[in-house]
Amino acid sequence: MFSSIGKTTTVDGDELSMCYLVEDLMLALGFRNSVVGRTYLRDCLVEVLLADKHATNLSEDVYPVIANRYSTTVASVSKAIRHCLITCYNDGNLKRANKIFRYDIIGSVPPTNADFVTTMAIFIKRHMRSRDNNCSQITYFHL
């Protein structure tokens, strides 16, 4: 069950497909399963993708939902996601990340939580739209 910013919804085929796409993308970028913030980041991306709003404020709309789900604080969620991003930035596949961000992030500072989530959400939405237009069942990202 995922809640779309306060509204509980059942997971249908499209939403489950979205969850798989988020997982595939995170694996392709080199996010480690052992980092706690990875789960929060995955849920954050899914919440943003399921949100009805065009623009979603992470700290006011998304983080409280995730904090509630895992019985923690909003600050802990934000800090864990930040740690996850920094860990991936230091150890992950930055060449693939450059293809998503469309600018060279190697040698620069890691993106902020909001920049990362927004960019990833846009990338996933484009991927899902192109997949639907091509009528193919692509489940993995070819980066």
C-alpha atoms as a PDB file:
ATOM      1  CA  MET A   1       0.000   0.000   0.000  1.00  0.00           C
ATOM      2  CA  PHE A   2       1.253   3.429  -0.902  1.00  0.00           C
ATOM      3  CA  SER A   3      -0.390   6.655   0.057  1.00  0.00           C
ATOM      4  CA  SER A   4      -0.489   9.363  -2.505  1.00  0.00           C
ATOM      5  CA  ILE A   5       0.277  12.311  -0.222  1.00  0.00           C
ATOM      6  CA  GLY A   6      -2.181  11.457   2.499  1.00  0.00           C
ATOM      7  CA  LYS A   7      -4.599   9.351   0.462  1.00  0.00           C
ATOM      8  CA  THR A   8      -4.257   5.589   0.826  1.00  0.00           C
ATOM      9  CA  THR A   9      -4.541   3.759  -2.472  1.00  0.00           C
ATOM     10  CA  THR A  10      -4.206   0.166  -3.500  1.00  0.00           C
ATOM     11  CA  VAL A  11      -1.304  -0.756  -5.713  1.00  0.00           C
ATOM     12  CA  ASP A  12      -2.554  -1.567  -9.197  1.00  0.00           C
ATOM     13  CA  GLY A  13      -0.529  -2.750 -12.187  1.00  0.00           C
ATOM     14  CA  ASP A  14       0.698   0.706 -13.203  1.00  0.00           C
ATOM     15  CA  GLU A  15       1.772   1.596  -9.678  1.00  0.00           C
ATOM     16  CA  LEU A  16       3.509  -1.736  -9.207  1.00  0.00           C
ATOM     17  CA  SER A  17       5.239  -1.214 -12.548  1.00  0.00           C
ATOM     18  CA  MET A  18       6.331   2.217 -11.302  1.00  0.00           C
ATOM     19  CA  CYS A  19       7.775   0.645  -8.145  1.00  0.00           C
ATOM     20  CA  TYR A  20       9.745  -1.808 -10.262  1.00  0.00           C
ATOM     21  CA  LEU A  21      11.027   0.998 -12.475  1.00  0.00           C
ATOM     22  CA  VAL A  22      12.194   2.953  -9.425  1.00  0.00           C
ATOM     23  CA  GLU A  23      13.960  -0.139  -8.061  1.00  0.00           C
ATOM     24  CA  ASP A  24      15.600  -0.879 -11.422  1.00  0.00           C
ATOM     25  CA  LEU A  25      16.810   2.680 -11.753  1.00  0.00           C
ATOM     26  CA  MET A  26      18.225   2.760  -8.238  1.00  0.00           C
ATOM     27  CA  LEU A  27      20.070  -0.516  -8.877  1.00  0.00           C
ATOM     28  CA  ALA A  28      21.430   0.821 -12.174  1.00  0.00           C
ATOM     29  CA  LEU A  29      22.770   3.909 -10.395  1.00  0.00           C
ATOM     30  CA  GLY A  30      24.501   1.839  -7.716  1.00  0.00           C
ATOM     31  CA  PHE A  31      22.396   2.481  -4.630  1.00  0.00           C
ATOM     32  CA  ARG A  32      23.313  -0.069  -1.980  1.00  0.00           C
ATOM     33  CA  ASN A  33      20.571  -2.021  -0.226  1.00  0.00           C
ATOM     34  CA  SER A  34      22.353  -1.671   3.110  1.00  0.00           C
ATOM     35  CA  VAL A  35      21.800   2.087   3.358  1.00  0.00           C
ATOM     36  CA  VAL A  36      18.633   2.898   5.336  1.00  0.00           C
ATOM     37  CA  GLY A  37      17.860   5.986   3.280  1.00  0.00           C
ATOM     38  CA  ARG A  38      17.467   3.847   0.163  1.00  0.00           C
ATOM     39  CA  THR A  39      14.059   2.638   1.326  1.00  0.00           C
ATOM     40  CA  TYR A  40      13.014   6.183   2.175  1.00  0.00           C
ATOM     41  CA  LEU A  41      14.274   7.432  -1.191  1.00  0.00           C
ATOM     42  CA  ARG A  42      12.404   4.698  -3.057  1.00  0.00           C
ATOM     43  CA  ASP A  43       9.182   5.509  -1.212  1.00  0.00           C
ATOM     44  CA  CYS A  44       9.770   9.219  -1.766  1.00  0.00           C
ATOM     45  CA  LEU A  45      10.110   8.732  -5.519  1.00  0.00           C
ATOM     46  CA  VAL A  46       6.978   6.588  -5.662  1.00  0.00           C
ATOM     47  CA  GLU A  47       5.018   9.145  -3.603  1.00  0.00           C
ATOM     48  CA  VAL A  48       6.080  11.949  -5.941  1.00  0.00           C
ATOM     49  CA  LEU A  49       5.190   9.883  -8.993  1.00  0.00           C
ATOM     50  CA  LEU A  50       1.757   9.016  -7.558  1.00  0.00           C
ATOM     51  CA  ALA A  51       0.982  12.566  -6.415  1.00  0.00           C
ATOM     52  CA  ASP A  52      -1.825  14.340  -8.210  1.00  0.00           C
ATOM     53  CA  LYS A  53      -0.066  17.675  -7.864  1.00  0.00           C
ATOM     54  CA  HIS A  54       2.355  18.797 -10.538  1.00  0.00           C
ATOM     55  CA  ALA A  55       4.808  20.206  -7.997  1.00  0.00           C
ATOM     56  CA  THR A  56       5.218  18.514  -4.633  1.00  0.00           C
ATOM     57  CA  ASN A  57       7.064  19.945  -1.656  1.00  0.00           C
ATOM     58  CA  LEU A  58       9.163  17.130  -0.191  1.00  0.00           C
ATOM     59  CA  SER A  59       9.555  18.463   3.332  1.00  0.00           C
ATOM     60  CA  GLU A  60       5.891  19.422   3.745  1.00  0.00           C
ATOM     61  CA  ASP A  61       4.068  16.785   1.680  1.00  0.00           C
ATOM     62  CA  VAL A  62       6.190  13.672   1.208  1.00  0.00           C
ATOM     63  CA  TYR A  63       8.590  13.343   4.155  1.00  0.00           C
ATOM     64  CA  PRO A  64       5.799  13.373   6.794  1.00  0.00           C
ATOM     65  CA  VAL A  65       4.029  10.499   5.012  1.00  0.00           C
ATOM     66  CA  ILE A  66       7.236   8.447   4.925  1.00  0.00           C
ATOM     67  CA  ALA A  67       8.096   9.346   8.523  1.00  0.00           C
ATOM     68  CA  ASN A  68       4.633   8.214   9.606  1.00  0.00           C
ATOM     69  CA  ARG A  69       4.966   4.959   7.685  1.00  0.00           C
ATOM     70  CA  TYR A  70       8.275   4.057   9.359  1.00  0.00           C
ATOM     71  CA  SER A  71       7.541   5.634  12.789  1.00  0.00           C
ATOM     72  CA  THR A  72      10.382   8.120  12.603  1.00  0.00           C
ATOM     73  CA  THR A  73      10.807  11.870  12.286  1.00  0.00           C
ATOM     74  CA  VAL A  74      10.767  14.059   9.205  1.00  0.00           C
ATOM     75  CA  ALA A  75      14.322  15.192   9.972  1.00  0.00           C
ATOM     76  CA  SER A  76      15.499  11.557  10.123  1.00  0.00           C
ATOM     77  CA  VAL A  77      13.935  10.816   6.743  1.00  0.00           C
ATOM     78  CA  SER A  78      15.561  13.862   5.152  1.00  0.00           C
ATOM     79  CA  LYS A  79      18.947  13.107   6.695  1.00  0.00           C
ATOM     80  CA  ALA A  80      18.826   9.402   5.714  1.00  0.00           C
ATOM     81  CA  ILE A  81      17.947  10.269   2.102  1.00  0.00           C
ATOM     82  CA  ARG A  82      20.781  12.799   2.010  1.00  0.00           C
ATOM     83  CA  HIS A  83      23.208  10.193   3.361  1.00  0.00           C
ATOM     84  CA  CYS A  84      21.982   7.717   0.741  1.00  0.00           C
ATOM     85  CA  LEU A  85      22.557  10.236  -2.060  1.00  0.00           C
ATOM     86  CA  ILE A  86      26.056  11.101  -0.835  1.00  0.00           C
ATOM     87  CA  THR A  87      26.946   7.406  -0.494  1.00  0.00           C
ATOM     88  CA  CYS A  88      25.751   6.705  -4.031  1.00  0.00           C
ATOM     89  CA  TYR A  89      27.550   9.789  -5.300  1.00  0.00           C
ATOM     90  CA  ASN A  90      30.800   8.540  -3.771  1.00  0.00           C
ATOM     91  CA  ASP A  91      30.409   4.844  -4.687  1.00  0.00           C
ATOM     92  CA  GLY A  92      27.772   4.627  -7.428  1.00  0.00           C
ATOM     93  CA  ASN A  93      27.777   4.730 -11.203  1.00  0.00           C
ATOM     94  CA  LEU A  94      28.148   8.424 -12.011  1.00  0.00           C
ATOM     95  CA  LYS A  95      28.426   7.855 -15.763  1.00  0.00           C
ATOM     96  CA  ARG A  96      24.866   6.562 -15.751  1.00  0.00           C
ATOM     97  CA  ALA A  97      23.757   9.410 -13.488  1.00  0.00           C
ATOM     98  CA  ASN A  98      25.212  11.909 -15.975  1.00  0.00           C
ATOM     99  CA  LYS A  99      22.881  10.506 -18.657  1.00  0.00           C
ATOM    100  CA  ILE A 100      19.886  11.121 -16.439  1.00  0.00           C
ATOM    101  CA  PHE A 101      20.891  14.549 -15.161  1.00  0.00           C
ATOM    102  CA  ARG A 102      22.086  15.614 -18.629  1.00  0.00           C
ATOM    103  CA  TYR A 103      25.003  17.492 -17.142  1.00  0.00           C
ATOM    104  CA  ASP A 104      28.305  16.406 -15.699  1.00  0.00           C
ATOM    105  CA  ILE A 105      27.866  15.719 -11.993  1.00  0.00           C
ATOM    106  CA  ILE A 106      31.319  14.171 -11.692  1.00  0.00           C
ATOM    107  CA  GLY A 107      33.505  16.559  -9.709  1.00  0.00           C
ATOM    108  CA  SER A 108      30.587  18.701  -8.583  1.00  0.00           C
ATOM    109  CA  VAL A 109      28.694  18.529  -5.320  1.00  0.00           C
ATOM    110  CA  PRO A 110      25.961  15.893  -5.040  1.00  0.00           C
ATOM    111  CA  PRO A 111      22.502  17.137  -6.021  1.00  0.00           C
ATOM    112  CA  THR A 112      20.118  18.172  -3.261  1.00  0.00           C
ATOM    113  CA  ASN A 113      17.353  15.794  -2.211  1.00  0.00           C
ATOM    114  CA  ALA A 114      14.731  17.845  -4.062  1.00  0.00           C
ATOM    115  CA  ASP A 115      16.822  18.145  -7.247  1.00  0.00           C
ATOM    116  CA  PHE A 116      17.523  14.429  -7.266  1.00  0.00           C
ATOM    117  CA  VAL A 117      13.920  13.365  -6.633  1.00  0.00           C
ATOM    118  CA  THR A 118      12.528  15.820  -9.183  1.00  0.00           C
ATOM    119  CA  THR A 119      15.009  14.806 -11.881  1.00  0.00           C
ATOM    120  CA  MET A 120      14.449  11.109 -11.253  1.00  0.00           C
ATOM    121  CA  ALA A 121      10.656  11.529 -11.294  1.00  0.00           C
ATOM    122  CA  ILE A 122      10.801  13.354 -14.616  1.00  0.00           C
ATOM    123  CA  PHE A 123      13.118  10.674 -16.042  1.00  0.00           C
ATOM    124  CA  ILE A 124      10.829   7.849 -14.886  1.00  0.00           C
ATOM    125  CA  LYS A 125       7.712   9.584 -16.238  1.00  0.00           C
ATOM    126  CA  ARG A 126       9.402  10.038 -19.626  1.00  0.00           C
ATOM    127  CA  HIS A 127      10.511   6.414 -19.597  1.00  0.00           C
ATOM    128  CA  MET A 128       6.991   5.209 -18.783  1.00  0.00           C
ATOM    129  CA  ARG A 129       5.492   7.455 -21.469  1.00  0.00           C
ATOM    130  CA  SER A 130       7.932   6.194 -24.115  1.00  0.00           C
ATOM    131  CA  ARG A 131       7.320   2.613 -23.019  1.00  0.00           C
ATOM    132  CA  ASP A 132       3.564   3.098 -23.373  1.00  0.00           C
ATOM    133  CA  ASN A 133       3.969   4.749 -26.790  1.00  0.00           C
ATOM    134  CA  ASN A 134       6.205   1.934 -28.045  1.00  0.00           C
ATOM    135  CA  CYS A 135       3.831  -0.725 -26.691  1.00  0.00           C
ATOM    136  CA  SER A 136       6.804  -2.720 -25.453  1.00  0.00           C
ATOM    137  CA  GLN A 137       7.343  -4.262 -22.048  1.00  0.00           C
ATOM    138  CA  ILE A 138      10.688  -2.681 -21.136  1.00  0.00           C
ATOM    139  CA  THR A 139      11.365  -3.280 -17.471  1.00  0.00           C
ATOM    140  CA  TYR A 140      15.029  -2.322 -17.275  1.00  0.00           C
ATOM    141  CA  PHE A 141      16.657   1.007 -17.899  1.00  0.00           C
ATOM    142  CA  HIS A 142      19.199   1.002 -20.686  1.00  0.00           C
ATOM    143  CA  LEU A 143      21.603   3.702 -19.610  1.00  0.00           C
END
